[in-house]
Amino acid sequence: MTEILTPRLLLRRWTDDDLVPMAEINGDPEVMQWIGDGSVRDLETTAENIERWEDEWDEEGFGLFAVELLGSGELIGFTGLSVPEFLPEVLPDVEIGWRLGRQFWGQGYASEAAHAALEFALQDRGLDRVISIARAGNTASENVMRKLGMTLERETVHPEFGHALRIHAIDLTEYRA
């Protein structure tokens, strides 16, 4: 089983116990405002998401990690890697992303988890380039991207929802562990 420890977090594969807490995160309108069309997701949709994320692990050798607090074992969200099939123009690039419960914002958890996932991508999985996609206006996510050493590469439009997207990237030659 793939696990990564950081000073405060455990990044790991998904378990059945993660469904309800992840559905609570996905059910928060403030969390979801920057995702897709901005709509919340219910328990059933969250279960389908987790199943798809686990399938990606099996198919690609990487995926989205469940992120839990080391001290309490509480699920705080996810971070990790995925193939951004919703945006064909960036393929075959791999995207790093994250989603945390609102009560965990502003504490450096997203940056801590994303840094570990980026290191995993570039050093353990041998990727030579990773991108991150943010909806224009999502300054919190763009701040995490900057902390990872990513730079704005270009802007585009979401093919389904029509809102502006900002593509950030980093390659192995720019990465500093």
N, C-alpha and C. Protein backbone atom coordinates (compact mmCIF):
# COMPACT_ATOMS: atom_id res chain seq x y z
N MET A 1 0.85 -1.19 0.00
CA MET A 1 0.00 0.00 0.00
C MET A 1 0.88 1.24 0.00
N THR A 2 0.58 2.19 -0.85
CA THR A 2 1.35 3.42 -0.96
C THR A 2 0.92 4.40 0.13
N GLU A 3 1.87 4.78 0.97
CA GLU A 3 1.62 5.78 2.01
C GLU A 3 2.80 6.75 2.06
N ILE A 4 2.48 8.00 2.39
CA ILE A 4 3.51 9.01 2.57
C ILE A 4 3.23 9.71 3.89
N LEU A 5 4.26 9.82 4.70
CA LEU A 5 4.17 10.57 5.96
C LEU A 5 4.81 11.94 5.78
N THR A 6 4.15 12.96 6.29
CA THR A 6 4.73 14.29 6.38
C THR A 6 4.76 14.61 7.88
N PRO A 7 5.26 15.76 8.27
CA PRO A 7 5.29 16.05 9.71
C PRO A 7 3.92 15.98 10.40
N ARG A 8 2.86 16.34 9.69
CA ARG A 8 1.54 16.36 10.33
C ARG A 8 0.50 15.47 9.69
N LEU A 9 0.82 14.87 8.54
CA LEU A 9 -0.20 14.20 7.74
C LEU A 9 0.22 12.81 7.30
N LEU A 10 -0.79 11.99 7.03
CA LEU A 10 -0.61 10.70 6.38
C LEU A 10 -1.38 10.75 5.06
N LEU A 11 -0.67 10.52 3.96
CA LEU A 11 -1.29 10.39 2.65
C LEU A 11 -1.36 8.91 2.36
N ARG A 12 -2.56 8.40 2.05
CA ARG A 12 -2.76 6.96 1.92
C ARG A 12 -3.87 6.67 0.93
N ARG A 13 -4.04 5.39 0.62
CA ARG A 13 -5.14 4.96 -0.24
C ARG A 13 -6.46 5.07 0.54
N TRP A 14 -7.56 4.96 -0.19
CA TRP A 14 -8.90 5.16 0.37
C TRP A 14 -9.43 3.90 1.05
N THR A 15 -10.22 4.10 2.12
CA THR A 15 -10.89 3.00 2.80
C THR A 15 -12.38 3.31 2.88
N ASP A 16 -13.17 2.31 3.24
CA ASP A 16 -14.62 2.51 3.38
C ASP A 16 -14.95 3.58 4.41
N ASP A 17 -14.12 3.73 5.43
CA ASP A 17 -14.37 4.72 6.49
C ASP A 17 -14.24 6.16 5.99
N ASP A 18 -13.67 6.35 4.80
CA ASP A 18 -13.47 7.70 4.27
C ASP A 18 -14.71 8.26 3.58
N LEU A 19 -15.67 7.41 3.26
CA LEU A 19 -16.80 7.85 2.45
C LEU A 19 -17.59 8.98 3.10
N VAL A 20 -18.02 8.81 4.34
CA VAL A 20 -18.87 9.83 4.97
C VAL A 20 -18.12 11.15 5.17
N PRO A 21 -16.89 11.14 5.72
CA PRO A 21 -16.21 12.43 5.87
C PRO A 21 -15.91 13.12 4.53
N MET A 22 -15.59 12.33 3.48
CA MET A 22 -15.34 12.96 2.18
C MET A 22 -16.64 13.51 1.60
N ALA A 23 -17.75 12.81 1.81
CA ALA A 23 -19.04 13.32 1.34
C ALA A 23 -19.41 14.62 2.06
N GLU A 24 -19.04 14.74 3.32
CA GLU A 24 -19.30 16.00 4.05
C GLU A 24 -18.48 17.14 3.44
N ILE A 25 -17.24 16.86 3.08
CA ILE A 25 -16.40 17.88 2.43
C ILE A 25 -17.01 18.25 1.08
N ASN A 26 -17.39 17.24 0.29
CA ASN A 26 -17.98 17.48 -1.03
C ASN A 26 -19.35 18.14 -0.94
N GLY A 27 -19.99 18.07 0.20
CA GLY A 27 -21.32 18.67 0.37
C GLY A 27 -21.28 20.12 0.82
N ASP A 28 -20.10 20.67 1.01
CA ASP A 28 -19.94 22.05 1.47
C ASP A 28 -19.85 22.98 0.25
N PRO A 29 -20.82 23.88 0.09
CA PRO A 29 -20.80 24.78 -1.08
C PRO A 29 -19.55 25.64 -1.19
N GLU A 30 -18.97 26.04 -0.06
CA GLU A 30 -17.75 26.85 -0.11
C GLU A 30 -16.57 26.05 -0.64
N VAL A 31 -16.48 24.78 -0.25
CA VAL A 31 -15.40 23.92 -0.74
C VAL A 31 -15.56 23.71 -2.24
N MET A 32 -16.79 23.48 -2.68
CA MET A 32 -17.03 23.07 -4.07
C MET A 32 -17.16 24.23 -5.06
N GLN A 33 -17.14 25.46 -4.58
CA GLN A 33 -17.37 26.59 -5.48
C GLN A 33 -16.39 26.67 -6.63
N TRP A 34 -15.19 26.13 -6.49
CA TRP A 34 -14.16 26.21 -7.52
C TRP A 34 -14.04 24.93 -8.35
N ILE A 35 -14.88 23.92 -8.04
CA ILE A 35 -14.76 22.59 -8.65
C ILE A 35 -15.87 22.42 -9.70
N GLY A 36 -15.48 22.05 -10.92
CA GLY A 36 -16.47 21.78 -11.97
C GLY A 36 -17.43 22.94 -12.16
N ASP A 37 -18.73 22.64 -12.02
CA ASP A 37 -19.74 23.69 -12.16
C ASP A 37 -20.08 24.34 -10.82
N GLY A 38 -19.37 23.94 -9.75
CA GLY A 38 -19.57 24.54 -8.44
C GLY A 38 -20.64 23.85 -7.60
N SER A 39 -21.24 22.79 -8.12
CA SER A 39 -22.30 22.13 -7.35
C SER A 39 -21.71 21.15 -6.34
N VAL A 40 -22.44 20.95 -5.25
CA VAL A 40 -22.01 20.01 -4.22
C VAL A 40 -22.27 18.58 -4.70
N ARG A 41 -21.64 17.64 -4.03
CA ARG A 41 -21.80 16.22 -4.37
C ARG A 41 -22.34 15.47 -3.15
N ASP A 42 -23.22 14.52 -3.42
CA ASP A 42 -23.83 13.76 -2.34
C ASP A 42 -23.03 12.50 -2.03
N LEU A 43 -23.55 11.70 -1.10
CA LEU A 43 -22.87 10.48 -0.68
C LEU A 43 -22.65 9.52 -1.84
N GLU A 44 -23.66 9.33 -2.66
CA GLU A 44 -23.57 8.41 -3.79
C GLU A 44 -22.51 8.86 -4.80
N THR A 45 -22.52 10.14 -5.13
CA THR A 45 -21.54 10.67 -6.07
C THR A 45 -20.13 10.59 -5.48
N THR A 46 -19.99 10.86 -4.19
CA THR A 46 -18.69 10.75 -3.54
C THR A 46 -18.18 9.32 -3.59
N ALA A 47 -19.07 8.35 -3.37
CA ALA A 47 -18.68 6.93 -3.46
C ALA A 47 -18.19 6.61 -4.87
N GLU A 48 -18.87 7.13 -5.88
CA GLU A 48 -18.43 6.91 -7.27
C GLU A 48 -17.08 7.56 -7.51
N ASN A 49 -16.88 8.77 -6.95
CA ASN A 49 -15.59 9.46 -7.09
C ASN A 49 -14.47 8.63 -6.49
N ILE A 50 -14.66 8.16 -5.26
CA ILE A 50 -13.61 7.38 -4.59
C ILE A 50 -13.30 6.11 -5.38
N GLU A 51 -14.33 5.46 -5.89
CA GLU A 51 -14.12 4.26 -6.71
C GLU A 51 -13.28 4.59 -7.94
N ARG A 52 -13.59 5.71 -8.60
CA ARG A 52 -12.84 6.13 -9.78
C ARG A 52 -11.39 6.47 -9.41
N TRP A 53 -11.20 7.13 -8.25
CA TRP A 53 -9.85 7.48 -7.81
C TRP A 53 -9.04 6.22 -7.54
N GLU A 54 -9.65 5.23 -6.93
CA GLU A 54 -8.95 3.97 -6.66
C GLU A 54 -8.64 3.23 -7.96
N ASP A 55 -9.57 3.28 -8.92
CA ASP A 55 -9.31 2.67 -10.23
C ASP A 55 -8.10 3.31 -10.90
N GLU A 56 -7.97 4.63 -10.76
CA GLU A 56 -6.84 5.32 -11.38
C GLU A 56 -5.52 4.84 -10.76
N TRP A 57 -5.52 4.59 -9.46
CA TRP A 57 -4.33 4.02 -8.83
C TRP A 57 -3.95 2.72 -9.52
N ASP A 58 -4.95 1.86 -9.72
CA ASP A 58 -4.70 0.55 -10.32
C ASP A 58 -4.24 0.65 -11.77
N GLU A 59 -4.81 1.60 -12.51
CA GLU A 59 -4.50 1.74 -13.93
C GLU A 59 -3.22 2.53 -14.20
N GLU A 60 -2.97 3.58 -13.44
CA GLU A 60 -1.87 4.51 -13.73
C GLU A 60 -0.67 4.36 -12.80
N GLY A 61 -0.88 3.74 -11.62
CA GLY A 61 0.20 3.67 -10.65
C GLY A 61 0.33 4.92 -9.81
N PHE A 62 -0.64 5.79 -9.92
CA PHE A 62 -0.74 6.99 -9.08
C PHE A 62 -2.21 7.35 -8.98
N GLY A 63 -2.50 8.30 -8.09
CA GLY A 63 -3.88 8.72 -7.92
C GLY A 63 -4.00 9.75 -6.82
N LEU A 64 -5.22 9.94 -6.37
CA LEU A 64 -5.50 10.87 -5.29
C LEU A 64 -5.38 10.14 -3.96
N PHE A 65 -4.58 10.70 -3.08
CA PHE A 65 -4.42 10.16 -1.73
C PHE A 65 -5.51 10.71 -0.81
N ALA A 66 -6.05 9.85 0.04
CA ALA A 66 -6.80 10.34 1.19
C ALA A 66 -5.77 10.98 2.13
N VAL A 67 -6.11 12.13 2.72
CA VAL A 67 -5.19 12.82 3.62
C VAL A 67 -5.81 12.86 5.01
N GLU A 68 -5.06 12.34 5.98
CA GLU A 68 -5.56 12.35 7.35
C GLU A 68 -4.54 13.02 8.26
N LEU A 69 -5.06 13.61 9.34
CA LEU A 69 -4.21 14.20 10.36
C LEU A 69 -3.54 13.09 11.16
N LEU A 70 -2.25 13.18 11.35
CA LEU A 70 -1.53 12.15 12.09
C LEU A 70 -2.01 12.04 13.53
N GLY A 71 -2.23 13.16 14.16
CA GLY A 71 -2.60 13.13 15.58
C GLY A 71 -3.94 12.47 15.86
N SER A 72 -4.93 12.73 15.01
CA SER A 72 -6.29 12.27 15.29
C SER A 72 -6.77 11.17 14.36
N GLY A 73 -6.13 10.99 13.21
CA GLY A 73 -6.61 10.04 12.21
C GLY A 73 -7.80 10.56 11.43
N GLU A 74 -8.14 11.83 11.61
CA GLU A 74 -9.29 12.43 10.94
C GLU A 74 -8.99 12.69 9.47
N LEU A 75 -9.93 12.29 8.57
CA LEU A 75 -9.79 12.59 7.15
C LEU A 75 -10.03 14.08 6.95
N ILE A 76 -9.08 14.74 6.28
CA ILE A 76 -9.24 16.18 6.04
C ILE A 76 -9.48 16.49 4.57
N GLY A 77 -9.37 15.48 3.68
CA GLY A 77 -9.60 15.70 2.26
C GLY A 77 -8.69 14.83 1.43
N PHE A 78 -8.27 15.37 0.27
CA PHE A 78 -7.37 14.61 -0.60
C PHE A 78 -6.34 15.52 -1.23
N THR A 79 -5.28 14.90 -1.69
CA THR A 79 -4.32 15.51 -2.59
C THR A 79 -3.73 14.38 -3.44
N GLY A 80 -3.19 14.73 -4.56
CA GLY A 80 -2.55 13.70 -5.36
C GLY A 80 -2.61 13.99 -6.84
N LEU A 81 -2.48 12.93 -7.61
CA LEU A 81 -2.29 13.01 -9.04
C LEU A 81 -3.46 12.41 -9.78
N SER A 82 -3.78 13.01 -10.93
CA SER A 82 -4.83 12.46 -11.78
C SER A 82 -4.57 12.88 -13.23
N VAL A 83 -5.20 12.14 -14.11
CA VAL A 83 -5.16 12.48 -15.53
C VAL A 83 -6.36 13.39 -15.79
N PRO A 84 -6.12 14.65 -16.19
CA PRO A 84 -7.21 15.62 -16.35
C PRO A 84 -7.97 15.43 -17.67
N GLU A 85 -8.71 14.34 -17.75
CA GLU A 85 -9.42 14.00 -18.99
C GLU A 85 -10.47 15.03 -19.38
N PHE A 86 -10.94 15.82 -18.42
CA PHE A 86 -11.94 16.85 -18.73
C PHE A 86 -11.36 17.96 -19.59
N LEU A 87 -10.03 18.03 -19.69
CA LEU A 87 -9.37 19.10 -20.44
C LEU A 87 -8.37 18.48 -21.42
N PRO A 88 -8.87 17.94 -22.54
CA PRO A 88 -8.02 17.19 -23.47
C PRO A 88 -6.80 17.96 -23.98
N GLU A 89 -6.88 19.29 -24.03
CA GLU A 89 -5.77 20.06 -24.58
C GLU A 89 -4.49 19.94 -23.76
N VAL A 90 -4.56 19.52 -22.50
CA VAL A 90 -3.35 19.41 -21.68
C VAL A 90 -2.78 17.99 -21.64
N LEU A 91 -3.52 17.04 -22.18
CA LEU A 91 -3.05 15.65 -22.16
C LEU A 91 -1.82 15.50 -23.05
N PRO A 92 -0.86 14.70 -22.68
CA PRO A 92 -0.88 13.65 -21.67
C PRO A 92 -0.38 14.09 -20.30
N ASP A 93 -0.35 15.39 -20.01
CA ASP A 93 0.12 15.84 -18.71
C ASP A 93 -0.69 15.23 -17.57
N VAL A 94 -0.05 15.14 -16.41
CA VAL A 94 -0.67 14.67 -15.18
C VAL A 94 -0.85 15.89 -14.28
N GLU A 95 -2.00 15.94 -13.63
CA GLU A 95 -2.35 17.08 -12.77
C GLU A 95 -2.18 16.72 -11.31
N ILE A 96 -1.69 17.67 -10.53
CA ILE A 96 -1.72 17.56 -9.08
C ILE A 96 -2.87 18.44 -8.59
N GLY A 97 -3.62 17.91 -7.64
CA GLY A 97 -4.75 18.65 -7.11
C GLY A 97 -4.97 18.34 -5.65
N TRP A 98 -5.89 19.07 -5.04
CA TRP A 98 -6.19 18.92 -3.62
C TRP A 98 -7.58 19.45 -3.34
N ARG A 99 -8.17 18.94 -2.29
CA ARG A 99 -9.46 19.42 -1.78
C ARG A 99 -9.51 19.09 -0.30
N LEU A 100 -9.61 20.13 0.52
CA LEU A 100 -9.66 19.94 1.96
C LEU A 100 -10.96 20.50 2.51
N GLY A 101 -11.40 19.92 3.63
CA GLY A 101 -12.54 20.47 4.34
C GLY A 101 -12.24 21.89 4.79
N ARG A 102 -13.26 22.72 4.81
CA ARG A 102 -13.08 24.14 5.10
C ARG A 102 -12.40 24.39 6.44
N GLN A 103 -12.71 23.56 7.45
CA GLN A 103 -12.11 23.77 8.77
C GLN A 103 -10.60 23.54 8.78
N PHE A 104 -10.06 23.00 7.69
CA PHE A 104 -8.63 22.73 7.60
C PHE A 104 -7.90 23.73 6.70
N TRP A 105 -8.60 24.72 6.19
CA TRP A 105 -7.99 25.74 5.35
C TRP A 105 -7.12 26.65 6.20
N GLY A 106 -6.12 27.26 5.56
CA GLY A 106 -5.32 28.30 6.20
C GLY A 106 -4.33 27.79 7.23
N GLN A 107 -4.07 26.49 7.25
CA GLN A 107 -3.15 25.92 8.24
C GLN A 107 -1.92 25.28 7.59
N GLY A 108 -1.80 25.44 6.28
CA GLY A 108 -0.65 24.89 5.57
C GLY A 108 -0.76 23.42 5.20
N TYR A 109 -1.91 22.80 5.48
CA TYR A 109 -2.07 21.37 5.17
C TYR A 109 -2.04 21.10 3.66
N ALA A 110 -2.71 21.95 2.88
CA ALA A 110 -2.74 21.72 1.43
C ALA A 110 -1.33 21.77 0.85
N SER A 111 -0.54 22.76 1.26
CA SER A 111 0.83 22.88 0.76
C SER A 111 1.68 21.70 1.21
N GLU A 112 1.53 21.30 2.46
CA GLU A 112 2.31 20.18 3.00
C GLU A 112 2.00 18.89 2.24
N ALA A 113 0.72 18.61 2.06
CA ALA A 113 0.31 17.39 1.36
C ALA A 113 0.70 17.45 -0.11
N ALA A 114 0.49 18.60 -0.76
CA ALA A 114 0.79 18.72 -2.18
C ALA A 114 2.28 18.62 -2.44
N HIS A 115 3.09 19.17 -1.56
CA HIS A 115 4.55 19.04 -1.73
C HIS A 115 4.95 17.57 -1.70
N ALA A 116 4.39 16.80 -0.77
CA ALA A 116 4.69 15.36 -0.70
C ALA A 116 4.22 14.63 -1.95
N ALA A 117 3.04 15.00 -2.45
CA ALA A 117 2.51 14.36 -3.66
C ALA A 117 3.33 14.73 -4.89
N LEU A 118 3.82 15.97 -4.95
CA LEU A 118 4.66 16.39 -6.07
C LEU A 118 6.00 15.63 -6.06
N GLU A 119 6.58 15.50 -4.88
CA GLU A 119 7.82 14.72 -4.76
C GLU A 119 7.59 13.27 -5.20
N PHE A 120 6.47 12.70 -4.79
CA PHE A 120 6.08 11.35 -5.19
C PHE A 120 6.00 11.26 -6.72
N ALA A 121 5.38 12.26 -7.35
CA ALA A 121 5.21 12.26 -8.80
C ALA A 121 6.55 12.30 -9.53
N LEU A 122 7.41 13.22 -9.12
CA LEU A 122 8.64 13.48 -9.86
C LEU A 122 9.76 12.51 -9.50
N GLN A 123 9.78 12.04 -8.25
CA GLN A 123 10.89 11.19 -7.84
C GLN A 123 10.52 9.71 -7.78
N ASP A 124 9.34 9.38 -7.28
CA ASP A 124 8.96 7.97 -7.15
C ASP A 124 8.31 7.43 -8.42
N ARG A 125 7.49 8.24 -9.09
CA ARG A 125 6.77 7.76 -10.26
C ARG A 125 7.44 8.14 -11.58
N GLY A 126 8.52 8.91 -11.50
CA GLY A 126 9.30 9.19 -12.70
C GLY A 126 8.66 10.15 -13.68
N LEU A 127 7.67 10.91 -13.26
CA LEU A 127 7.10 11.91 -14.16
C LEU A 127 8.11 13.04 -14.32
N ASP A 128 8.19 13.61 -15.50
CA ASP A 128 9.13 14.71 -15.70
C ASP A 128 8.44 16.06 -15.73
N ARG A 129 7.11 16.05 -15.59
CA ARG A 129 6.35 17.30 -15.64
C ARG A 129 5.01 17.07 -14.95
N VAL A 130 4.57 18.06 -14.19
CA VAL A 130 3.27 18.00 -13.53
C VAL A 130 2.61 19.36 -13.69
N ILE A 131 1.32 19.36 -13.94
CA ILE A 131 0.56 20.61 -14.05
C ILE A 131 -0.44 20.68 -12.90
N SER A 132 -1.01 21.86 -12.73
CA SER A 132 -2.13 22.05 -11.82
C SER A 132 -3.07 23.04 -12.48
N ILE A 133 -4.35 22.79 -12.35
CA ILE A 133 -5.38 23.58 -13.02
C ILE A 133 -6.25 24.24 -11.98
N ALA A 134 -6.39 25.54 -12.06
CA ALA A 134 -7.24 26.27 -11.13
C ALA A 134 -8.22 27.14 -11.90
N ARG A 135 -9.42 27.20 -11.39
CA ARG A 135 -10.39 28.13 -11.94
C ARG A 135 -9.90 29.55 -11.63
N ALA A 136 -9.98 30.44 -12.60
CA ALA A 136 -9.55 31.83 -12.40
C ALA A 136 -10.30 32.40 -11.19
N GLY A 137 -9.54 33.04 -10.31
CA GLY A 137 -10.12 33.60 -9.10
C GLY A 137 -9.87 32.77 -7.85
N ASN A 138 -9.44 31.53 -8.03
CA ASN A 138 -9.16 30.65 -6.90
C ASN A 138 -7.74 30.93 -6.40
N THR A 139 -7.59 32.05 -5.72
CA THR A 139 -6.26 32.50 -5.30
C THR A 139 -5.64 31.56 -4.27
N ALA A 140 -6.45 30.91 -3.44
CA ALA A 140 -5.89 29.99 -2.44
C ALA A 140 -5.15 28.84 -3.13
N SER A 141 -5.77 28.24 -4.14
CA SER A 141 -5.11 27.16 -4.86
C SER A 141 -3.89 27.66 -5.63
N GLU A 142 -4.00 28.83 -6.22
CA GLU A 142 -2.84 29.36 -6.94
C GLU A 142 -1.69 29.66 -5.99
N ASN A 143 -1.98 30.04 -4.75
CA ASN A 143 -0.92 30.24 -3.76
C ASN A 143 -0.20 28.93 -3.46
N VAL A 144 -0.95 27.84 -3.35
CA VAL A 144 -0.33 26.53 -3.14
C VAL A 144 0.56 26.19 -4.33
N MET A 145 0.08 26.45 -5.53
CA MET A 145 0.87 26.17 -6.74
C MET A 145 2.19 26.92 -6.71
N ARG A 146 2.14 28.18 -6.33
CA ARG A 146 3.38 28.97 -6.25
C ARG A 146 4.34 28.39 -5.20
N LYS A 147 3.78 27.96 -4.05
CA LYS A 147 4.62 27.36 -3.01
C LYS A 147 5.28 26.08 -3.48
N LEU A 148 4.66 25.40 -4.43
CA LEU A 148 5.24 24.19 -5.00
C LEU A 148 6.31 24.50 -6.04
N GLY A 149 6.47 25.77 -6.40
CA GLY A 149 7.43 26.15 -7.42
C GLY A 149 6.85 26.15 -8.82
N MET A 150 5.54 26.01 -8.92
CA MET A 150 4.89 26.01 -10.23
C MET A 150 4.74 27.43 -10.74
N THR A 151 4.74 27.57 -12.05
CA THR A 151 4.54 28.88 -12.65
C THR A 151 3.37 28.82 -13.63
N LEU A 152 2.73 29.95 -13.80
CA LEU A 152 1.61 30.05 -14.73
C LEU A 152 2.12 29.80 -16.14
N GLU A 153 1.51 28.85 -16.80
CA GLU A 153 1.91 28.51 -18.16
C GLU A 153 0.97 29.12 -19.19
N ARG A 154 -0.32 29.04 -18.91
CA ARG A 154 -1.29 29.61 -19.85
C ARG A 154 -2.68 29.64 -19.23
N GLU A 155 -3.57 30.30 -19.93
CA GLU A 155 -4.98 30.34 -19.54
C GLU A 155 -5.79 29.71 -20.65
N THR A 156 -6.91 29.12 -20.26
CA THR A 156 -7.80 28.49 -21.21
C THR A 156 -9.21 28.57 -20.65
N VAL A 157 -10.13 27.87 -21.29
CA VAL A 157 -11.54 27.89 -20.87
C VAL A 157 -11.99 26.45 -20.64
N HIS A 158 -12.74 26.24 -19.57
CA HIS A 158 -13.29 24.91 -19.29
C HIS A 158 -14.19 24.51 -20.45
N PRO A 159 -13.96 23.35 -21.08
CA PRO A 159 -14.71 22.99 -22.28
C PRO A 159 -16.19 22.73 -22.04
N GLU A 160 -16.55 22.36 -20.82
CA GLU A 160 -17.97 22.09 -20.52
C GLU A 160 -18.68 23.27 -19.88
N PHE A 161 -18.01 23.95 -18.94
CA PHE A 161 -18.68 24.98 -18.15
C PHE A 161 -18.36 26.40 -18.58
N GLY A 162 -17.34 26.58 -19.41
CA GLY A 162 -17.06 27.89 -20.01
C GLY A 162 -16.33 28.88 -19.14
N HIS A 163 -15.94 28.51 -17.91
CA HIS A 163 -15.22 29.49 -17.09
C HIS A 163 -13.72 29.41 -17.36
N ALA A 164 -13.04 30.50 -17.03
CA ALA A 164 -11.60 30.62 -17.27
C ALA A 164 -10.84 29.69 -16.33
N LEU A 165 -9.81 29.05 -16.88
CA LEU A 165 -8.92 28.18 -16.13
C LEU A 165 -7.49 28.67 -16.30
N ARG A 166 -6.70 28.49 -15.25
CA ARG A 166 -5.28 28.87 -15.28
C ARG A 166 -4.45 27.61 -15.07
N ILE A 167 -3.55 27.34 -16.01
CA ILE A 167 -2.72 26.14 -15.99
C ILE A 167 -1.32 26.52 -15.48
N HIS A 168 -0.92 25.90 -14.37
CA HIS A 168 0.42 26.07 -13.82
C HIS A 168 1.19 24.79 -14.06
N ALA A 169 2.52 24.90 -14.13
CA ALA A 169 3.32 23.72 -14.43
C ALA A 169 4.67 23.80 -13.72
N ILE A 170 5.25 22.61 -13.55
CA ILE A 170 6.63 22.49 -13.07
C ILE A 170 7.20 21.24 -13.74
N ASP A 171 8.48 21.31 -14.08
CA ASP A 171 9.10 20.10 -14.58
C ASP A 171 10.26 19.72 -13.68
N LEU A 172 10.78 18.55 -13.90
CA LEU A 172 11.80 17.99 -13.03
C LEU A 172 13.01 18.90 -12.91
N THR A 173 13.38 19.62 -13.97
CA THR A 173 14.55 20.49 -13.92
C THR A 173 14.31 21.70 -13.02
N GLU A 174 13.05 22.06 -12.78
CA GLU A 174 12.73 23.22 -11.92
C GLU A 174 12.47 22.83 -10.47
N TYR A 175 12.28 21.54 -10.23
CA TYR A 175 11.85 21.05 -8.92
C TYR A 175 13.00 21.04 -7.92
N ARG A 176 12.70 21.53 -6.71
CA ARG A 176 13.65 21.45 -5.60
C ARG A 176 12.94 20.76 -4.44
N ALA A 177 13.41 19.59 -4.08
CA ALA A 177 12.78 18.78 -3.01
C ALA A 177 12.83 19.51 -1.68
